[in-house]
Amino acid sequence: MTIATVGRGGRAMRQIADTVRQLQHFYSTVAVQFNRHSDVSVPRGEADAVISCLCALQAMVFPYSPSLSQMIDDLCGGLFLTDAQGIVRVNPFRFGKMEAVLLFLDSPDFVGNFSQYLHTNWPDVDAGTCKLLHDAALASDRFSFNQVGVAAREICILLAQKVFRREMDEEGKIGPADAFGMLECFLRHTLKGDRYDDVRGYAKKTVKLADHVTHIKCEDAIAMETAVTAVVALVSLINTVSRGA
């Protein structure tokens, strides 16, 4: 799964992905046992650890999907049953629901839907970001990785066209195809004054990173995800600055 997001929301989505992976390991192990036996028991400590992960996942998912969060809450209370002898057994009915929840959280649908939380003033940029995240989640080979990289560059060009004005370029050095030059110029023009020193430093590094990673071929998942992360960070930054301009 690819979750290429930034800031507080990005960290939350990465935490969701990490928690889902932990639960998938448990699910896969127990699924093998259910294929062999109709009754599966687990150690109390393992059950407690799974419930702890589910409760954490429920809290993390709630801001994005209250209904899905409610399904996870139901798992927290019903995935395990303890008999009179203290043996902890997996509830097969709730176990099936767990599969559905994990599959959705690991799907392009959930990943792509995160883009709805990156509202900008430009619907085509929003649509492009959504497609970028969706395509990145589906990419599985060198060709598809590189296609995502191409799309990332196109979003940068589109973004530059939204905010750059020729009068911002006082020296007249920025060419019509220099998208990253346009973005740097916009940021310099907008973020003036000592109070923006730190922001300008961050902005310069953000533009430089996006410029670099979108001008190299994305031959593997790491290169692709780096490019997507850099571009989504850039979209978020430019959107924030433009709204305050």
Protein backbone atom coordinates (compact mmCIF):
# COMPACT_ATOMS: atom_id res chain seq x y z
CA MET A 1 0.00 0.00 0.00
CA THR A 2 1.17 3.47 -0.74
CA ILE A 3 0.33 6.27 1.59
CA ALA A 4 2.13 9.33 0.39
CA THR A 5 0.96 12.15 2.54
CA VAL A 6 2.48 14.85 4.73
CA GLY A 7 2.01 16.77 7.96
CA ARG A 8 -0.20 15.63 10.82
CA GLY A 9 -2.62 13.87 8.45
CA GLY A 10 0.26 12.08 6.73
CA ARG A 11 1.65 10.76 9.99
CA ALA A 12 -1.80 9.49 10.97
CA MET A 13 -2.21 7.67 7.66
CA ARG A 14 1.20 6.06 8.00
CA GLN A 15 0.29 4.94 11.52
CA ILE A 16 -2.89 3.41 10.12
CA ALA A 17 -0.84 1.55 7.51
CA ASP A 18 1.60 0.23 10.13
CA THR A 19 -1.23 -0.94 12.40
CA VAL A 20 -3.03 -2.62 9.52
CA ARG A 21 0.15 -4.53 8.67
CA GLN A 22 0.43 -5.78 12.25
CA LEU A 23 -3.18 -6.97 12.21
CA GLN A 24 -2.77 -8.57 8.79
CA HIS A 25 -0.01 -10.75 10.20
CA PHE A 26 -2.35 -11.98 12.93
CA TYR A 27 -5.18 -12.44 10.43
CA SER A 28 -3.06 -14.50 8.04
CA THR A 29 -1.85 -16.79 10.83
CA VAL A 30 -5.32 -17.42 12.21
CA ALA A 31 -6.84 -17.84 8.72
CA VAL A 32 -4.50 -20.79 8.11
CA GLN A 33 -5.70 -22.37 11.37
CA PHE A 34 -9.36 -21.86 10.43
CA ASN A 35 -8.69 -23.70 7.17
CA ARG A 36 -7.69 -26.71 9.25
CA HIS A 37 -9.96 -26.43 12.29
CA SER A 38 -13.38 -24.97 13.00
CA ASP A 39 -12.28 -23.86 16.46
CA VAL A 40 -9.23 -21.64 16.93
CA SER A 41 -7.88 -20.50 20.28
CA VAL A 42 -5.10 -18.01 20.99
CA PRO A 43 -3.04 -17.09 24.07
CA ARG A 44 -4.55 -14.39 26.25
CA GLY A 45 -1.53 -12.15 25.71
CA GLU A 46 -1.86 -12.34 21.94
CA ALA A 47 -5.59 -11.57 22.11
CA ASP A 48 -4.91 -8.56 24.34
CA ALA A 49 -2.27 -7.29 21.90
CA VAL A 50 -4.68 -7.60 18.96
CA ILE A 51 -7.45 -5.79 20.84
CA SER A 52 -4.98 -3.03 21.72
CA CYS A 53 -4.09 -2.64 18.02
CA LEU A 54 -7.75 -2.61 17.02
CA CYS A 55 -8.60 0.05 19.60
CA ALA A 56 -5.72 2.21 18.37
CA LEU A 57 -6.85 1.68 14.78
CA GLN A 58 -10.42 2.59 15.67
CA ALA A 59 -9.31 5.95 17.07
CA MET A 60 -7.07 6.68 14.09
CA VAL A 61 -9.72 5.83 11.48
CA PHE A 62 -12.54 7.80 13.10
CA PRO A 63 -11.58 11.24 11.59
CA TYR A 64 -11.70 9.71 8.11
CA SER A 65 -14.64 7.33 8.38
CA PRO A 66 -16.86 7.21 11.48
CA SER A 67 -18.81 4.27 10.07
CA LEU A 68 -15.66 2.22 9.50
CA SER A 69 -14.47 3.21 12.95
CA GLN A 70 -17.71 1.80 14.38
CA MET A 71 -17.07 -1.51 12.61
CA ILE A 72 -13.62 -1.67 14.19
CA ASP A 73 -15.13 -0.87 17.59
CA ASP A 74 -17.44 -3.84 17.12
CA LEU A 75 -14.39 -6.03 16.49
CA CYS A 76 -12.78 -4.79 19.69
CA GLY A 77 -15.72 -6.11 21.70
CA GLY A 78 -16.48 -9.31 19.85
CA LEU A 79 -13.44 -10.77 18.07
CA PHE A 80 -12.54 -13.02 21.00
CA LEU A 81 -14.70 -15.18 23.26
CA THR A 82 -13.52 -16.57 26.60
CA ASP A 83 -15.07 -19.81 27.86
CA ALA A 84 -15.57 -20.98 31.44
CA GLN A 85 -12.11 -22.55 31.51
CA GLY A 86 -10.50 -19.26 30.51
CA ILE A 87 -9.63 -20.39 26.98
CA VAL A 88 -9.70 -17.51 24.49
CA ARG A 89 -11.25 -18.44 21.14
CA VAL A 90 -11.53 -16.44 17.92
CA ASN A 91 -15.12 -15.57 17.01
CA PRO A 92 -15.40 -16.76 13.36
CA PHE A 93 -18.19 -14.29 12.55
CA ARG A 94 -16.21 -11.27 13.73
CA PHE A 95 -13.11 -12.72 12.11
CA GLY A 96 -14.81 -12.46 8.71
CA LYS A 97 -15.61 -8.81 9.39
CA MET A 98 -11.98 -8.22 10.32
CA GLU A 99 -10.94 -9.42 6.87
CA ALA A 100 -13.28 -6.93 5.18
CA VAL A 101 -12.05 -4.03 7.32
CA LEU A 102 -8.37 -4.76 6.71
CA LEU A 103 -8.90 -5.25 2.98
CA PHE A 104 -10.58 -1.86 2.67
CA LEU A 105 -7.98 -0.05 4.75
CA ASP A 106 -5.28 -1.56 2.54
CA SER A 107 -7.08 -0.68 -0.69
CA PRO A 108 -6.62 2.16 -3.19
CA ASP A 109 -10.14 3.33 -2.31
CA PHE A 110 -9.16 4.27 1.24
CA VAL A 111 -5.74 5.60 0.19
CA GLY A 112 -7.12 7.74 -2.62
CA ASN A 113 -9.90 9.06 -0.43
CA PHE A 114 -7.32 10.79 1.76
CA SER A 115 -6.95 13.40 -0.98
CA GLN A 116 -10.36 14.78 0.00
CA TYR A 117 -8.64 16.21 3.08
CA LEU A 118 -6.28 18.25 0.90
CA HIS A 119 -8.75 20.87 -0.21
CA THR A 120 -7.22 23.53 -2.43
CA ASN A 121 -8.73 26.46 -4.31
CA TRP A 122 -8.31 24.54 -7.57
CA PRO A 123 -10.59 21.57 -8.38
CA ASP A 124 -8.28 20.27 -11.10
CA VAL A 125 -5.35 20.16 -8.67
CA ASP A 126 -7.54 18.29 -6.18
CA ALA A 127 -8.57 15.82 -8.88
CA GLY A 128 -4.96 15.39 -9.97
CA THR A 129 -3.83 14.73 -6.40
CA CYS A 130 -6.58 12.15 -5.93
CA LYS A 131 -5.58 10.35 -9.13
CA LEU A 132 -1.91 10.52 -8.17
CA LEU A 133 -2.53 8.79 -4.84
CA HIS A 134 -4.86 6.24 -6.41
CA ASP A 135 -2.43 5.37 -9.23
CA ALA A 136 0.46 5.16 -6.77
CA ALA A 137 -1.49 2.67 -4.68
CA LEU A 138 -2.03 0.47 -7.75
CA ALA A 139 1.47 0.75 -9.26
CA SER A 140 3.35 -2.55 -9.25
CA ASP A 141 6.07 -2.47 -11.90
CA ARG A 142 8.68 -0.19 -13.43
CA PHE A 143 6.35 1.15 -16.10
CA SER A 144 3.55 2.04 -13.71
CA PHE A 145 6.00 3.52 -11.19
CA ASN A 146 7.34 5.84 -13.89
CA GLN A 147 3.84 6.79 -15.06
CA VAL A 148 3.09 8.00 -11.54
CA GLY A 149 6.29 10.07 -11.66
CA VAL A 150 5.15 11.67 -14.91
CA ALA A 151 1.79 12.52 -13.35
CA ALA A 152 3.58 14.05 -10.36
CA ARG A 153 5.47 16.40 -12.67
CA GLU A 154 2.24 17.39 -14.40
CA ILE A 155 0.70 18.38 -11.07
CA CYS A 156 3.71 20.60 -10.34
CA ILE A 157 3.29 22.33 -13.70
CA LEU A 158 -0.42 22.81 -13.10
CA LEU A 159 0.25 24.16 -9.62
CA ALA A 160 2.77 26.69 -10.93
CA GLN A 161 0.28 27.94 -13.49
CA LYS A 162 -2.25 28.56 -10.73
CA VAL A 163 -0.13 30.89 -8.61
CA PHE A 164 2.59 32.47 -10.74
CA ARG A 165 2.12 35.90 -12.27
CA ARG A 166 4.62 37.40 -14.66
CA GLU A 167 4.92 40.60 -12.61
CA MET A 168 6.33 38.53 -9.73
CA ASP A 169 9.46 37.90 -11.78
CA GLU A 170 11.15 41.27 -11.35
CA GLU A 171 14.32 40.16 -13.14
CA GLY A 172 12.49 38.49 -16.02
CA LYS A 173 14.59 35.34 -15.83
CA ILE A 174 11.93 32.68 -15.47
CA GLY A 175 11.01 30.86 -18.64
CA PRO A 176 7.47 29.78 -19.54
CA ALA A 177 8.35 26.10 -18.98
CA ASP A 178 10.17 26.55 -15.67
CA ALA A 179 7.46 25.35 -13.29
CA PHE A 180 9.69 25.11 -10.26
CA GLY A 181 11.22 28.50 -10.96
CA MET A 182 7.69 29.89 -11.01
CA LEU A 183 6.87 28.27 -7.69
CA GLU A 184 10.04 29.56 -6.04
CA CYS A 185 9.31 33.03 -7.37
CA PHE A 186 5.75 32.90 -6.03
CA LEU A 187 7.01 31.90 -2.60
CA ARG A 188 9.68 34.62 -2.51
CA HIS A 189 7.14 37.20 -3.60
CA THR A 190 4.53 36.09 -1.06
CA LEU A 191 6.64 35.23 1.97
CA LYS A 192 8.39 38.51 2.63
CA GLY A 193 9.74 39.72 5.96
CA ASP A 194 11.78 38.33 8.83
CA ARG A 195 8.84 36.48 10.35
CA TYR A 196 8.80 34.13 7.35
CA ASP A 197 12.50 33.21 7.48
CA ASP A 198 11.85 29.66 8.68
CA VAL A 199 8.93 29.17 6.32
CA ARG A 200 10.98 30.37 3.36
CA GLY A 201 13.71 27.91 4.29
CA TYR A 202 11.24 25.05 4.43
CA ALA A 203 9.57 26.19 1.22
CA LYS A 204 12.86 26.32 -0.65
CA LYS A 205 13.75 22.78 0.41
CA THR A 206 10.26 21.52 -0.45
CA VAL A 207 10.43 22.94 -3.96
CA LYS A 208 14.00 21.69 -4.45
CA LEU A 209 13.09 18.16 -3.37
CA ALA A 210 10.01 18.03 -5.60
CA ASP A 211 12.06 19.40 -8.51
CA HIS A 212 14.71 16.73 -8.04
CA VAL A 213 12.56 13.66 -7.50
CA THR A 214 10.15 14.44 -10.34
CA HIS A 215 12.97 14.83 -12.85
CA ILE A 216 14.41 11.36 -12.36
CA LYS A 217 12.88 8.13 -13.59
CA CYS A 218 10.79 6.33 -10.99
CA GLU A 219 12.15 2.84 -11.57
CA ASP A 220 11.04 1.36 -8.27
CA ALA A 221 8.48 1.86 -5.52
CA ILE A 222 10.83 3.87 -3.32
CA ALA A 223 11.53 6.45 -6.04
CA MET A 224 7.84 6.66 -6.89
CA GLU A 225 6.71 7.09 -3.29
CA THR A 226 9.37 9.74 -2.69
CA ALA A 227 8.12 11.68 -5.70
CA VAL A 228 4.49 11.42 -4.62
CA THR A 229 5.27 12.44 -1.05
CA ALA A 230 7.28 15.45 -2.25
CA VAL A 231 4.55 16.60 -4.62
CA VAL A 232 1.73 16.25 -2.07
CA ALA A 233 3.86 18.24 0.38
CA LEU A 234 4.35 20.89 -2.28
CA VAL A 235 0.63 21.06 -3.05
CA SER A 236 -0.13 21.48 0.64
CA LEU A 237 2.50 24.19 1.05
CA ILE A 238 1.48 26.21 -2.01
CA ASN A 239 -2.18 25.93 -1.08
CA THR A 240 -1.51 27.20 2.46
CA VAL A 241 0.62 30.12 1.27
CA SER A 242 -1.82 31.10 -1.49
CA ARG A 243 -4.72 31.24 0.94
CA GLY A 244 -2.82 33.63 3.16
CA ALA A 245 -1.59 35.80 0.30
